[in-house]
């Protein structure tokens, strides 16, 4: 059973939307590489990027499949506990979370895409 993400105030939602827009306009190299492979239903499902879910902005989301794809760079090594709590919250809201290494998105994109495809099916 999943619960719904909390409703945000108009101000909070506006701030997160603006931040997500900035992130879409300035993706990391690994996010840009992965987006080129995900966009336009190239894997057979629709993905959107830098989407607000509750109080979080996720890198990529396949809405119908409720699959969140996160690209983790070096910054995330220091955030392992926070990321684990975030993932657990997203799971409680009914999402599945796939974390990918940012270097892999550039150096081993085919392998990364195989992991994404395997995660698409429930």
PDB file of N, CA and C in Angstrom:
ATOM      1  N   UNK A   1       0.840  -1.171   0.000  1.00  0.00           N
ATOM      2  CA  UNK A   1       0.000   0.000   0.000  1.00  0.00           C
ATOM      3  C   UNK A   1       0.896   1.249   0.000  1.00  0.00           C
ATOM      4  N   UNK A   2       0.552   2.203  -0.829  1.00  0.00           N
ATOM      5  CA  UNK A   2       1.345   3.431  -0.872  1.00  0.00           C
ATOM      6  C   UNK A   2       0.508   4.604  -0.374  1.00  0.00           C
ATOM      7  N   UNK A   3       1.205   5.604   0.103  1.00  0.00           N
ATOM      8  CA  UNK A   3       0.535   6.820   0.545  1.00  0.00           C
ATOM      9  C   UNK A   3       0.897   7.936  -0.431  1.00  0.00           C
ATOM     10  N   UNK A   4       0.136   8.974  -0.449  1.00  0.00           N
ATOM     11  CA  UNK A   4       0.370  10.097  -1.352  1.00  0.00           C
ATOM     12  C   UNK A   4       1.434  11.031  -0.787  1.00  0.00           C
ATOM     13  N   UNK A   5       2.224  11.639  -1.682  1.00  0.00           N
ATOM     14  CA  UNK A   5       3.165  12.670  -1.216  1.00  0.00           C
ATOM     15  C   UNK A   5       2.397  13.826  -0.584  1.00  0.00           C
ATOM     16  N   UNK A   6       2.988  14.500   0.377  1.00  0.00           N
ATOM     17  CA  UNK A   6       2.292  15.622   1.015  1.00  0.00           C
ATOM     18  C   UNK A   6       2.089  16.775   0.033  1.00  0.00           C
ATOM     19  N   UNK A   7       1.033  17.508   0.243  1.00  0.00           N
ATOM     20  CA  UNK A   7       0.773  18.704  -0.564  1.00  0.00           C
ATOM     21  C   UNK A   7       1.690  19.817  -0.085  1.00  0.00           C
ATOM     22  N   UNK A   8       2.223  20.546  -1.030  1.00  0.00           N
ATOM     23  CA  UNK A   8       3.104  21.668  -0.701  1.00  0.00           C
ATOM     24  C   UNK A   8       2.319  22.963  -0.772  1.00  0.00           C
ATOM     25  N   UNK A   9       2.796  23.961  -0.072  1.00  0.00           N
ATOM     26  CA  UNK A   9       2.188  25.281  -0.215  1.00  0.00           C
ATOM     27  C   UNK A   9       2.485  25.777  -1.622  1.00  0.00           C
ATOM     28  N   UNK A  10       1.740  26.736  -2.066  1.00  0.00           N
ATOM     29  CA  UNK A  10       1.948  27.317  -3.392  1.00  0.00           C
ATOM     30  C   UNK A  10       3.369  27.857  -3.527  1.00  0.00           C
ATOM     31  N   UNK A  11       3.855  28.482  -2.460  1.00  0.00           N
ATOM     32  CA  UNK A  11       5.205  29.051  -2.464  1.00  0.00           C
ATOM     33  C   UNK A  11       6.262  27.951  -2.589  1.00  0.00           C
ATOM     34  N   UNK A  12       6.119  26.888  -1.778  1.00  0.00           N
ATOM     35  CA  UNK A  12       7.084  25.779  -1.845  1.00  0.00           C
ATOM     36  C   UNK A  12       7.077  25.132  -3.229  1.00  0.00           C
ATOM     37  N   UNK A  13       5.887  24.894  -3.766  1.00  0.00           N
ATOM     38  CA  UNK A  13       5.774  24.273  -5.087  1.00  0.00           C
ATOM     39  C   UNK A  13       6.410  25.153  -6.154  1.00  0.00           C
ATOM     40  N   UNK A  14       6.195  26.446  -6.056  1.00  0.00           N
ATOM     41  CA  UNK A  14       6.773  27.381  -7.018  1.00  0.00           C
ATOM     42  C   UNK A  14       8.295  27.366  -6.964  1.00  0.00           C
ATOM     43  N   UNK A  15       8.858  27.352  -5.745  1.00  0.00           N
ATOM     44  CA  UNK A  15      10.310  27.305  -5.586  1.00  0.00           C
ATOM     45  C   UNK A  15      10.897  26.016  -6.172  1.00  0.00           C
ATOM     46  N   UNK A  16      10.261  24.885  -5.874  1.00  0.00           N
ATOM     47  CA  UNK A  16      10.756  23.617  -6.397  1.00  0.00           C
ATOM     48  C   UNK A  16      10.624  23.548  -7.917  1.00  0.00           C
ATOM     49  N   UNK A  17       9.517  24.041  -8.456  1.00  0.00           N
ATOM     50  CA  UNK A  17       9.344  24.065  -9.911  1.00  0.00           C
ATOM     51  C   UNK A  17      10.431  24.902 -10.581  1.00  0.00           C
ATOM     52  N   UNK A  18      10.733  26.049 -10.007  1.00  0.00           N
ATOM     53  CA  UNK A  18      11.769  26.927 -10.572  1.00  0.00           C
ATOM     54  C   UNK A  18      13.137  26.256 -10.501  1.00  0.00           C
ATOM     55  N   UNK A  19      13.420  25.584  -9.390  1.00  0.00           N
ATOM     56  CA  UNK A  19      14.697  24.906  -9.250  1.00  0.00           C
ATOM     57  C   UNK A  19      14.795  23.753 -10.251  1.00  0.00           C
ATOM     58  N   UNK A  20      13.718  22.998 -10.420  1.00  0.00           N
ATOM     59  CA  UNK A  20      13.692  21.910 -11.396  1.00  0.00           C
ATOM     60  C   UNK A  20      13.917  22.424 -12.809  1.00  0.00           C
ATOM     61  N   UNK A  21      13.322  23.555 -13.128  1.00  0.00           N
ATOM     62  CA  UNK A  21      13.497  24.172 -14.452  1.00  0.00           C
ATOM     63  C   UNK A  21      14.966  24.529 -14.671  1.00  0.00           C
ATOM     64  N   UNK A  22      15.608  25.119 -13.653  1.00  0.00           N
ATOM     65  CA  UNK A  22      17.040  25.452 -13.760  1.00  0.00           C
ATOM     66  C   UNK A  22      17.883  24.193 -13.947  1.00  0.00           C
ATOM     67  N   UNK A  23      17.510  23.128 -13.253  1.00  0.00           N
ATOM     68  CA  UNK A  23      18.244  21.870 -13.384  1.00  0.00           C
ATOM     69  C   UNK A  23      18.063  21.273 -14.783  1.00  0.00           C
ATOM     70  N   UNK A  24      16.875  21.410 -15.365  1.00  0.00           N
ATOM     71  CA  UNK A  24      16.658  20.921 -16.734  1.00  0.00           C
ATOM     72  C   UNK A  24      17.478  21.727 -17.736  1.00  0.00           C
ATOM     73  N   UNK A  25      17.639  23.019 -17.479  1.00  0.00           N
ATOM     74  CA  UNK A  25      18.385  23.883 -18.392  1.00  0.00           C
ATOM     75  C   UNK A  25      19.891  23.696 -18.272  1.00  0.00           C
ATOM     76  N   UNK A  26      20.369  23.178 -17.151  1.00  0.00           N
ATOM     77  CA  UNK A  26      21.803  23.016 -16.897  1.00  0.00           C
ATOM     78  C   UNK A  26      22.119  21.617 -16.376  1.00  0.00           C
ATOM     79  N   UNK A  27      21.860  20.583 -17.178  1.00  0.00           N
ATOM     80  CA  UNK A  27      22.110  19.227 -16.680  1.00  0.00           C
ATOM     81  C   UNK A  27      23.606  18.933 -16.598  1.00  0.00           C
ATOM     82  N   UNK A  28      23.942  17.985 -15.746  1.00  0.00           N
ATOM     83  CA  UNK A  28      25.318  17.488 -15.706  1.00  0.00           C
ATOM     84  C   UNK A  28      25.555  16.705 -17.002  1.00  0.00           C
ATOM     85  N   UNK A  29      26.806  16.436 -17.314  1.00  0.00           N
ATOM     86  CA  UNK A  29      27.131  15.682 -18.531  1.00  0.00           C
ATOM     87  C   UNK A  29      26.485  14.294 -18.499  1.00  0.00           C
ATOM     88  N   UNK A  30      26.498  13.651 -17.329  1.00  0.00           N
ATOM     89  CA  UNK A  30      25.908  12.313 -17.228  1.00  0.00           C
ATOM     90  C   UNK A  30      24.388  12.362 -17.371  1.00  0.00           C
ATOM     91  N   UNK A  31      23.745  13.367 -16.793  1.00  0.00           N
ATOM     92  CA  UNK A  31      22.293  13.509 -16.949  1.00  0.00           C
ATOM     93  C   UNK A  31      21.938  13.787 -18.398  1.00  0.00           C
ATOM     94  N   UNK A  32      22.725  14.621 -19.074  1.00  0.00           N
ATOM     95  CA  UNK A  32      22.462  14.936 -20.481  1.00  0.00           C
ATOM     96  C   UNK A  32      22.604  13.684 -21.349  1.00  0.00           C
ATOM     97  N   UNK A  33      23.630  12.879 -21.086  1.00  0.00           N
ATOM     98  CA  UNK A  33      23.835  11.653 -21.867  1.00  0.00           C
ATOM     99  C   UNK A  33      22.678  10.679 -21.655  1.00  0.00           C
ATOM    100  N   UNK A  34      22.277  10.510 -20.407  1.00  0.00           N
ATOM    101  CA  UNK A  34      21.177   9.596 -20.126  1.00  0.00           C
ATOM    102  C   UNK A  34      19.876  10.122 -20.717  1.00  0.00           C
ATOM    103  N   UNK A  35      19.636  11.411 -20.629  1.00  0.00           N
ATOM    104  CA  UNK A  35      18.406  11.986 -21.166  1.00  0.00           C
ATOM    105  C   UNK A  35      18.301  11.741 -22.669  1.00  0.00           C
ATOM    106  N   UNK A  36      19.404  11.854 -23.393  1.00  0.00           N
ATOM    107  CA  UNK A  36      19.374  11.602 -24.842  1.00  0.00           C
ATOM    108  C   UNK A  36      18.911  10.177 -25.137  1.00  0.00           C
ATOM    109  N   UNK A  37      19.234   9.246 -24.255  1.00  0.00           N
ATOM    110  CA  UNK A  37      18.830   7.855 -24.448  1.00  0.00           C
ATOM    111  C   UNK A  37      17.400   7.584 -23.975  1.00  0.00           C
ATOM    112  N   UNK A  38      16.888   8.387 -23.039  1.00  0.00           N
ATOM    113  CA  UNK A  38      15.551   8.154 -22.468  1.00  0.00           C
ATOM    114  C   UNK A  38      14.445   8.929 -23.181  1.00  0.00           C
ATOM    115  N   UNK A  39      14.781  10.089 -23.700  1.00  0.00           N
ATOM    116  CA  UNK A  39      13.745  10.992 -24.229  1.00  0.00           C
ATOM    117  C   UNK A  39      13.030  10.401 -25.436  1.00  0.00           C
ATOM    118  N   UNK A  40      11.823  10.910 -25.657  1.00  0.00           N
ATOM    119  CA  UNK A  40      11.058  10.485 -26.820  1.00  0.00           C
ATOM    120  C   UNK A  40      10.653   9.023 -26.817  1.00  0.00           C
ATOM    121  N   UNK A  41      10.480   8.459 -25.640  1.00  0.00           N
ATOM    122  CA  UNK A  41      10.051   7.059 -25.491  1.00  0.00           C
ATOM    123  C   UNK A  41      10.986   6.092 -26.204  1.00  0.00           C
ATOM    124  N   UNK A  42      12.266   6.415 -26.227  1.00  0.00           N
ATOM    125  CA  UNK A  42      13.242   5.562 -26.915  1.00  0.00           C
ATOM    126  C   UNK A  42      13.353   4.173 -26.297  1.00  0.00           C
ATOM    127  N   UNK A  43      12.987   4.039 -25.040  1.00  0.00           N
ATOM    128  CA  UNK A  43      13.005   2.718 -24.391  1.00  0.00           C
ATOM    129  C   UNK A  43      11.600   2.124 -24.293  1.00  0.00           C
ATOM    130  N   UNK A  44      10.654   2.735 -24.985  1.00  0.00           N
ATOM    131  CA  UNK A  44       9.293   2.217 -25.002  1.00  0.00           C
ATOM    132  C   UNK A  44       8.388   2.779 -23.920  1.00  0.00           C
ATOM    133  N   UNK A  45       8.909   3.641 -23.068  1.00  0.00           N
ATOM    134  CA  UNK A  45       8.098   4.293 -22.047  1.00  0.00           C
ATOM    135  C   UNK A  45       8.450   5.779 -22.012  1.00  0.00           C
ATOM    136  N   UNK A  46       7.535   6.561 -21.512  1.00  0.00           N
ATOM    137  CA  UNK A  46       7.746   8.004 -21.409  1.00  0.00           C
ATOM    138  C   UNK A  46       8.500   8.331 -20.129  1.00  0.00           C
ATOM    139  N   UNK A  47       9.572   9.096 -20.278  1.00  0.00           N
ATOM    140  CA  UNK A  47      10.311   9.626 -19.144  1.00  0.00           C
ATOM    141  C   UNK A  47      10.218  11.142 -19.164  1.00  0.00           C
ATOM    142  N   UNK A  48      10.203  11.733 -17.993  1.00  0.00           N
ATOM    143  CA  UNK A  48      10.314  13.180 -17.834  1.00  0.00           C
ATOM    144  C   UNK A  48      11.494  13.419 -16.897  1.00  0.00           C
ATOM    145  N   UNK A  49      12.041  14.633 -16.930  1.00  0.00           N
ATOM    146  CA  UNK A  49      13.233  14.884 -16.113  1.00  0.00           C
ATOM    147  C   UNK A  49      13.034  16.039 -15.158  1.00  0.00           C
ATOM    148  N   UNK A  50      13.785  15.958 -14.055  1.00  0.00           N
ATOM    149  CA  UNK A  50      13.755  16.970 -12.994  1.00  0.00           C
ATOM    150  C   UNK A  50      12.315  17.281 -12.584  1.00  0.00           C
ATOM    151  N   UNK A  51      11.655  16.257 -12.080  1.00  0.00           N
ATOM    152  CA  UNK A  51      10.241  16.318 -11.721  1.00  0.00           C
ATOM    153  C   UNK A  51      10.087  16.454 -10.206  1.00  0.00           C
ATOM    154  N   UNK A  52       9.171  17.298  -9.799  1.00  0.00           N
ATOM    155  CA  UNK A  52       8.870  17.465  -8.376  1.00  0.00           C
ATOM    156  C   UNK A  52       7.899  16.363  -7.943  1.00  0.00           C
ATOM    157  N   UNK A  53       8.310  15.627  -6.923  1.00  0.00           N
ATOM    158  CA  UNK A  53       7.437  14.633  -6.279  1.00  0.00           C
ATOM    159  C   UNK A  53       7.468  14.968  -4.796  1.00  0.00           C
ATOM    160  N   UNK A  54       6.361  15.444  -4.282  1.00  0.00           N
ATOM    161  CA  UNK A  54       6.341  15.870  -2.885  1.00  0.00           C
ATOM    162  C   UNK A  54       7.353  16.982  -2.700  1.00  0.00           C
ATOM    163  N   UNK A  55       8.273  16.777  -1.770  1.00  0.00           N
ATOM    164  CA  UNK A  55       9.284  17.803  -1.491  1.00  0.00           C
ATOM    165  C   UNK A  55      10.620  17.509  -2.185  1.00  0.00           C
ATOM    166  N   UNK A  56      10.613  16.523  -3.093  1.00  0.00           N
ATOM    167  CA  UNK A  56      11.838  16.123  -3.785  1.00  0.00           C
ATOM    168  C   UNK A  56      11.781  16.485  -5.263  1.00  0.00           C
ATOM    169  N   UNK A  57      12.960  16.671  -5.848  1.00  0.00           N
ATOM    170  CA  UNK A  57      13.082  16.769  -7.297  1.00  0.00           C
ATOM    171  C   UNK A  57      13.868  15.541  -7.718  1.00  0.00           C
ATOM    172  N   UNK A  58      13.262  14.699  -8.559  1.00  0.00           N
ATOM    173  CA  UNK A  58      13.941  13.488  -9.016  1.00  0.00           C
ATOM    174  C   UNK A  58      14.536  13.742 -10.393  1.00  0.00           C
ATOM    175  N   UNK A  59      15.640  13.067 -10.689  1.00  0.00           N
ATOM    176  CA  UNK A  59      16.317  13.285 -11.967  1.00  0.00           C
ATOM    177  C   UNK A  59      15.436  12.884 -13.137  1.00  0.00           C
ATOM    178  N   UNK A  60      14.927  11.658 -13.122  1.00  0.00           N
ATOM    179  CA  UNK A  60      14.086  11.155 -14.205  1.00  0.00           C
ATOM    180  C   UNK A  60      12.941  10.353 -13.602  1.00  0.00           C
ATOM    181  N   UNK A  61      11.799  10.394 -14.278  1.00  0.00           N
ATOM    182  CA  UNK A  61      10.624   9.658 -13.814  1.00  0.00           C
ATOM    183  C   UNK A  61       9.895   9.070 -15.009  1.00  0.00           C
ATOM    184  N   UNK A  62       9.594   7.779 -14.918  1.00  0.00           N
ATOM    185  CA  UNK A  62       8.669   7.130 -15.845  1.00  0.00           C
ATOM    186  C   UNK A  62       7.341   7.105 -15.091  1.00  0.00           C
ATOM    187  N   UNK A  63       6.454   8.084 -15.358  1.00  0.00           N
ATOM    188  CA  UNK A  63       5.251   8.246 -14.523  1.00  0.00           C
ATOM    189  C   UNK A  63       4.344   7.019 -14.475  1.00  0.00           C
ATOM    190  N   UNK A  64       4.064   6.416 -15.612  1.00  0.00           N
ATOM    191  CA  UNK A  64       3.156   5.264 -15.610  1.00  0.00           C
ATOM    192  C   UNK A  64       3.712   4.096 -14.809  1.00  0.00           C
ATOM    193  N   UNK A  65       5.016   3.907 -14.893  1.00  0.00           N
ATOM    194  CA  UNK A  65       5.656   2.800 -14.206  1.00  0.00           C
ATOM    195  C   UNK A  65       6.035   3.154 -12.770  1.00  0.00           C
ATOM    196  N   UNK A  66       5.902   4.444 -12.434  1.00  0.00           N
ATOM    197  CA  UNK A  66       6.276   4.941 -11.108  1.00  0.00           C
ATOM    198  C   UNK A  66       7.725   4.564 -10.790  1.00  0.00           C
ATOM    199  N   UNK A  67       8.580   4.733 -11.821  1.00  0.00           N
ATOM    200  CA  UNK A  67       9.999   4.432 -11.688  1.00  0.00           C
ATOM    201  C   UNK A  67      10.790   5.736 -11.653  1.00  0.00           C
ATOM    202  N   UNK A  68      11.518   5.942 -10.577  1.00  0.00           N
ATOM    203  CA  UNK A  68      12.409   7.094 -10.415  1.00  0.00           C
ATOM    204  C   UNK A  68      13.815   6.624 -10.737  1.00  0.00           C
ATOM    205  N   UNK A  69      14.517   7.381 -11.589  1.00  0.00           N
ATOM    206  CA  UNK A  69      15.905   7.079 -11.926  1.00  0.00           C
ATOM    207  C   UNK A  69      16.754   8.252 -11.452  1.00  0.00           C
ATOM    208  N   UNK A  70      17.687   7.963 -10.567  1.00  0.00           N
ATOM    209  CA  UNK A  70      18.577   8.982 -10.011  1.00  0.00           C
ATOM    210  C   UNK A  70      19.992   8.753 -10.509  1.00  0.00           C
ATOM    211  N   UNK A  71      20.666   9.823 -10.919  1.00  0.00           N
ATOM    212  CA  UNK A  71      22.059   9.762 -11.360  1.00  0.00           C
ATOM    213  C   UNK A  71      22.907  10.331 -10.231  1.00  0.00           C
ATOM    214  N   UNK A  72      23.750   9.484  -9.683  1.00  0.00           N
ATOM    215  CA  UNK A  72      24.540   9.867  -8.505  1.00  0.00           C
ATOM    216  C   UNK A  72      25.993  10.123  -8.858  1.00  0.00           C
ATOM    217  N   UNK A  73      26.441  11.341  -8.591  1.00  0.00           N
ATOM    218  CA  UNK A  73      27.851  11.697  -8.742  1.00  0.00           C
ATOM    219  C   UNK A  73      28.548  11.598  -7.402  1.00  0.00           C
ATOM    220  N   UNK A  74      29.761  12.091  -7.336  1.00  0.00           N
ATOM    221  CA  UNK A  74      30.569  12.035  -6.126  1.00  0.00           C
ATOM    222  C   UNK A  74      29.890  12.651  -4.922  1.00  0.00           C
ATOM    223  N   UNK A  75      29.085  13.662  -5.149  1.00  0.00           N
ATOM    224  CA  UNK A  75      28.355  14.350  -4.082  1.00  0.00           C
ATOM    225  C   UNK A  75      27.519  13.369  -3.260  1.00  0.00           C
ATOM    226  N   UNK A  76      27.010  12.337  -3.919  1.00  0.00           N
ATOM    227  CA  UNK A  76      26.100  11.421  -3.240  1.00  0.00           C
ATOM    228  C   UNK A  76      26.801  10.464  -2.283  1.00  0.00           C
ATOM    229  N   UNK A  77      28.105  10.309  -2.410  1.00  0.00           N
ATOM    230  CA  UNK A  77      28.850   9.468  -1.468  1.00  0.00           C
ATOM    231  C   UNK A  77      28.680  10.020  -0.058  1.00  0.00           C
ATOM    232  N   UNK A  78      28.728  11.332   0.053  1.00  0.00           N
ATOM    233  CA  UNK A  78      28.579  11.989   1.358  1.00  0.00           C
ATOM    234  C   UNK A  78      27.124  12.020   1.830  1.00  0.00           C
ATOM    235  N   UNK A  79      26.195  11.740   0.926  1.00  0.00           N
ATOM    236  CA  UNK A  79      24.770  11.820   1.230  1.00  0.00           C
ATOM    237  C   UNK A  79      24.094  10.455   1.312  1.00  0.00           C
ATOM    238  N   UNK A  80      24.851   9.402   1.485  1.00  0.00           N
ATOM    239  CA  UNK A  80      24.285   8.051   1.424  1.00  0.00           C
ATOM    240  C   UNK A  80      23.100   7.868   2.370  1.00  0.00           C
ATOM    241  N   UNK A  81      23.237   8.331   3.606  1.00  0.00           N
ATOM    242  CA  UNK A  81      22.127   8.177   4.565  1.00  0.00           C
ATOM    243  C   UNK A  81      20.902   8.995   4.144  1.00  0.00           C
ATOM    244  N   UNK A  82      21.129  10.223   3.741  1.00  0.00           N
ATOM    245  CA  UNK A  82      20.012  11.083   3.306  1.00  0.00           C
ATOM    246  C   UNK A  82      19.345  10.496   2.067  1.00  0.00           C
ATOM    247  N   UNK A  83      20.153   9.985   1.140  1.00  0.00           N
ATOM    248  CA  UNK A  83      19.583   9.376  -0.064  1.00  0.00           C
ATOM    249  C   UNK A  83      18.769   8.137   0.284  1.00  0.00           C
ATOM    250  N   UNK A  84      19.245   7.345   1.230  1.00  0.00           N
ATOM    251  CA  UNK A  84      18.508   6.144   1.643  1.00  0.00           C
ATOM    252  C   UNK A  84      17.154   6.527   2.253  1.00  0.00           C
ATOM    253  N   UNK A  85      17.146   7.578   3.088  1.00  0.00           N
ATOM    254  CA  UNK A  85      15.868   8.043   3.671  1.00  0.00           C
ATOM    255  C   UNK A  85      14.939   8.549   2.567  1.00  0.00           C
ATOM    256  N   UNK A  86      15.500   9.287   1.628  1.00  0.00           N
ATOM    257  CA  UNK A  86      14.711   9.821   0.506  1.00  0.00           C
ATOM    258  C   UNK A  86      14.113   8.679  -0.318  1.00  0.00           C
ATOM    259  N   UNK A  87      14.943   7.672  -0.628  1.00  0.00           N
ATOM    260  CA  UNK A  87      14.466   6.522  -1.396  1.00  0.00           C
ATOM    261  C   UNK A  87      13.342   5.801  -0.654  1.00  0.00           C
ATOM    262  N   UNK A  88      13.503   5.635   0.648  1.00  0.00           N
ATOM    263  CA  UNK A  88      12.469   4.960   1.435  1.00  0.00           C
ATOM    264  C   UNK A  88      11.170   5.761   1.416  1.00  0.00           C
ATOM    265  N   UNK A  89      11.260   7.062   1.511  1.00  0.00           N
ATOM    266  CA  UNK A  89      10.058   7.898   1.438  1.00  0.00           C
ATOM    267  C   UNK A  89       9.394   7.752   0.073  1.00  0.00           C
ATOM    268  N   UNK A  90      10.177   7.802  -0.990  1.00  0.00           N
ATOM    269  CA  UNK A  90       9.614   7.630  -2.332  1.00  0.00           C
ATOM    270  C   UNK A  90       8.949   6.265  -2.466  1.00  0.00           C
ATOM    271  N   UNK A  91       9.559   5.232  -1.886  1.00  0.00           N
ATOM    272  CA  UNK A  91       8.958   3.889  -1.936  1.00  0.00           C
ATOM    273  C   UNK A  91       7.624   3.864  -1.193  1.00  0.00           C
ATOM    274  N   UNK A  92       7.565   4.536  -0.042  1.00  0.00           N
ATOM    275  CA  UNK A  92       6.299   4.587   0.701  1.00  0.00           C
ATOM    276  C   UNK A  92       5.221   5.275  -0.120  1.00  0.00           C
ATOM    277  N   UNK A  93       5.631   6.187  -0.978  1.00  0.00           N
ATOM    278  CA  UNK A  93       4.686   6.878  -1.859  1.00  0.00           C
ATOM    279  C   UNK A  93       4.361   6.062  -3.110  1.00  0.00           C
ATOM    280  N   UNK A  94       4.917   4.849  -3.204  1.00  0.00           N
ATOM    281  CA  UNK A  94       4.578   3.956  -4.311  1.00  0.00           C
ATOM    282  C   UNK A  94       5.542   3.967  -5.482  1.00  0.00           C
ATOM    283  N   UNK A  95       6.687   4.618  -5.354  1.00  0.00           N
ATOM    284  CA  UNK A  95       7.663   4.683  -6.439  1.00  0.00           C
ATOM    285  C   UNK A  95       8.758   3.642  -6.241  1.00  0.00           C
ATOM    286  N   UNK A  96       9.298   3.169  -7.341  1.00  0.00           N
ATOM    287  CA  UNK A  96      10.502   2.352  -7.314  1.00  0.00           C
ATOM    288  C   UNK A  96      11.656   3.275  -7.661  1.00  0.00           C
ATOM    289  N   UNK A  97      12.817   3.061  -7.054  1.00  0.00           N
ATOM    290  CA  UNK A  97      13.962   3.954  -7.251  1.00  0.00           C
ATOM    291  C   UNK A  97      15.150   3.156  -7.776  1.00  0.00           C
ATOM    292  N   UNK A  98      15.727   3.655  -8.861  1.00  0.00           N
ATOM    293  CA  UNK A  98      16.939   3.081  -9.432  1.00  0.00           C
ATOM    294  C   UNK A  98      18.017   4.147  -9.381  1.00  0.00           C
ATOM    295  N   UNK A  99      19.107   3.839  -8.698  1.00  0.00           N
ATOM    296  CA  UNK A  99      20.238   4.780  -8.607  1.00  0.00           C
ATOM    297  C   UNK A  99      21.341   4.316  -9.542  1.00  0.00           C
ATOM    298  N   UNK A 100      21.847   5.258 -10.330  1.00  0.00           N
ATOM    299  CA  UNK A 100      22.892   4.977 -11.307  1.00  0.00           C
ATOM    300  C   UNK A 100      24.105   5.846 -11.025  1.00  0.00           C
ATOM    301  N   UNK A 101      25.277   5.299 -11.285  1.00  0.00           N
ATOM    302  CA  UNK A 101      26.520   6.034 -11.126  1.00  0.00           C
ATOM    303  C   UNK A 101      26.698   6.994 -12.304  1.00  0.00           C
ATOM    304  N   UNK A 102      27.016   8.243 -12.007  1.00  0.00           N
ATOM    305  CA  UNK A 102      27.131   9.246 -13.072  1.00  0.00           C
ATOM    306  C   UNK A 102      28.231   8.895 -14.071  1.00  0.00           C
ATOM    307  N   UNK A 103      29.347   8.375 -13.598  1.00  0.00           N
ATOM    308  CA  UNK A 103      30.428   8.002 -14.523  1.00  0.00           C
ATOM    309  C   UNK A 103      29.964   6.895 -15.469  1.00  0.00           C
ATOM    310  N   UNK A 104      29.181   5.972 -14.963  1.00  0.00           N
ATOM    311  CA  UNK A 104      28.654   4.893 -15.795  1.00  0.00           C
ATOM    312  C   UNK A 104      27.750   5.390 -16.894  1.00  0.00           C
ATOM    313  N   UNK A 105      27.025   6.472 -16.637  1.00  0.00           N
ATOM    314  CA  UNK A 105      26.118   7.034 -17.649  1.00  0.00           C
ATOM    315  C   UNK A 105      26.893   7.570 -18.851  1.00  0.00           C
ATOM    316  N   UNK A 106      28.161   7.866 -18.646  1.00  0.00           N
ATOM    317  CA  UNK A 106      28.990   8.365 -19.742  1.00  0.00           C
ATOM    318  C   UNK A 106      29.847   7.236 -20.319  1.00  0.00           C
ATOM    319  N   UNK A 107      30.488   6.469 -19.456  1.00  0.00           N
ATOM    320  CA  UNK A 107      31.441   5.452 -19.924  1.00  0.00           C
ATOM    321  C   UNK A 107      30.792   4.138 -20.344  1.00  0.00           C
ATOM    322  N   UNK A 108      29.661   3.790 -19.711  1.00  0.00           N
ATOM    323  CA  UNK A 108      29.030   2.485 -19.951  1.00  0.00           C
ATOM    324  C   UNK A 108      27.524   2.665 -20.160  1.00  0.00           C
ATOM    325  N   UNK A 109      27.154   3.549 -21.058  1.00  0.00           N
ATOM    326  CA  UNK A 109      25.735   3.882 -21.240  1.00  0.00           C
ATOM    327  C   UNK A 109      24.909   2.657 -21.613  1.00  0.00           C
ATOM    328  N   UNK A 110      25.431   1.767 -22.453  1.00  0.00           N
ATOM    329  CA  UNK A 110      24.668   0.571 -22.839  1.00  0.00           C
ATOM    330  C   UNK A 110      24.304  -0.268 -21.619  1.00  0.00           C
ATOM    331  N   UNK A 111      25.264  -0.447 -20.717  1.00  0.00           N
ATOM    332  CA  UNK A 111      25.017  -1.213 -19.492  1.00  0.00           C
ATOM    333  C   UNK A 111      23.978  -0.503 -18.610  1.00  0.00           C
ATOM    334  N   UNK A 112      24.108   0.797 -18.487  1.00  0.00           N
ATOM    335  CA  UNK A 112      23.161   1.590 -17.702  1.00  0.00           C
ATOM    336  C   UNK A 112      21.754   1.449 -18.281  1.00  0.00           C
ATOM    337  N   UNK A 113      21.640   1.516 -19.595  1.00  0.00           N
ATOM    338  CA  UNK A 113      20.326   1.393 -20.235  1.00  0.00           C
ATOM    339  C   UNK A 113      19.730   0.008 -20.032  1.00  0.00           C
ATOM    340  N   UNK A 114      20.567  -1.018 -20.009  1.00  0.00           N
ATOM    341  CA  UNK A 114      20.049  -2.363 -19.707  1.00  0.00           C
ATOM    342  C   UNK A 114      19.454  -2.404 -18.300  1.00  0.00           C
ATOM    343  N   UNK A 115      20.110  -1.740 -17.359  1.00  0.00           N
ATOM    344  CA  UNK A 115      19.566  -1.687 -15.978  1.00  0.00           C
ATOM    345  C   UNK A 115      18.237  -0.939 -15.950  1.00  0.00           C
ATOM    346  N   UNK A 116      18.142   0.142 -16.711  1.00  0.00           N
ATOM    347  CA  UNK A 116      16.893   0.912 -16.758  1.00  0.00           C
ATOM    348  C   UNK A 116      15.780   0.051 -17.353  1.00  0.00           C
ATOM    349  N   UNK A 117      16.067  -0.596 -18.482  1.00  0.00           N
ATOM    350  CA  UNK A 117      15.064  -1.454 -19.132  1.00  0.00           C
ATOM    351  C   UNK A 117      14.608  -2.560 -18.182  1.00  0.00           C
ATOM    352  N   UNK A 118      15.551  -3.169 -17.470  1.00  0.00           N
ATOM    353  CA  UNK A 118      15.190  -4.240 -16.519  1.00  0.00           C
ATOM    354  C   UNK A 118      14.318  -3.694 -15.388  1.00  0.00           C
ATOM    355  N   UNK A 119      14.487  -2.435 -15.054  1.00  0.00           N
ATOM    356  CA  UNK A 119      13.708  -1.832 -13.960  1.00  0.00           C
ATOM    357  C   UNK A 119      12.345  -1.325 -14.407  1.00  0.00           C
ATOM    358  N   UNK A 120      12.152  -1.195 -15.697  1.00  0.00           N
ATOM    359  CA  UNK A 120      10.869  -0.690 -16.202  1.00  0.00           C
ATOM    360  C   UNK A 120       9.747  -1.665 -15.883  1.00  0.00           C
ATOM    361  N   UNK A 121      10.009  -2.946 -16.076  1.00  0.00           N
ATOM    362  CA  UNK A 121       8.981  -3.940 -15.783  1.00  0.00           C
ATOM    363  C   UNK A 121       8.818  -4.031 -14.269  1.00  0.00           C
ATOM    364  N   UNK A 122       7.554  -4.062 -13.800  1.00  0.00           N
ATOM    365  CA  UNK A 122       7.345  -4.134 -12.343  1.00  0.00           C
ATOM    366  C   UNK A 122       7.858  -5.418 -11.734  1.00  0.00           C
TER     367      UNK A 122
END
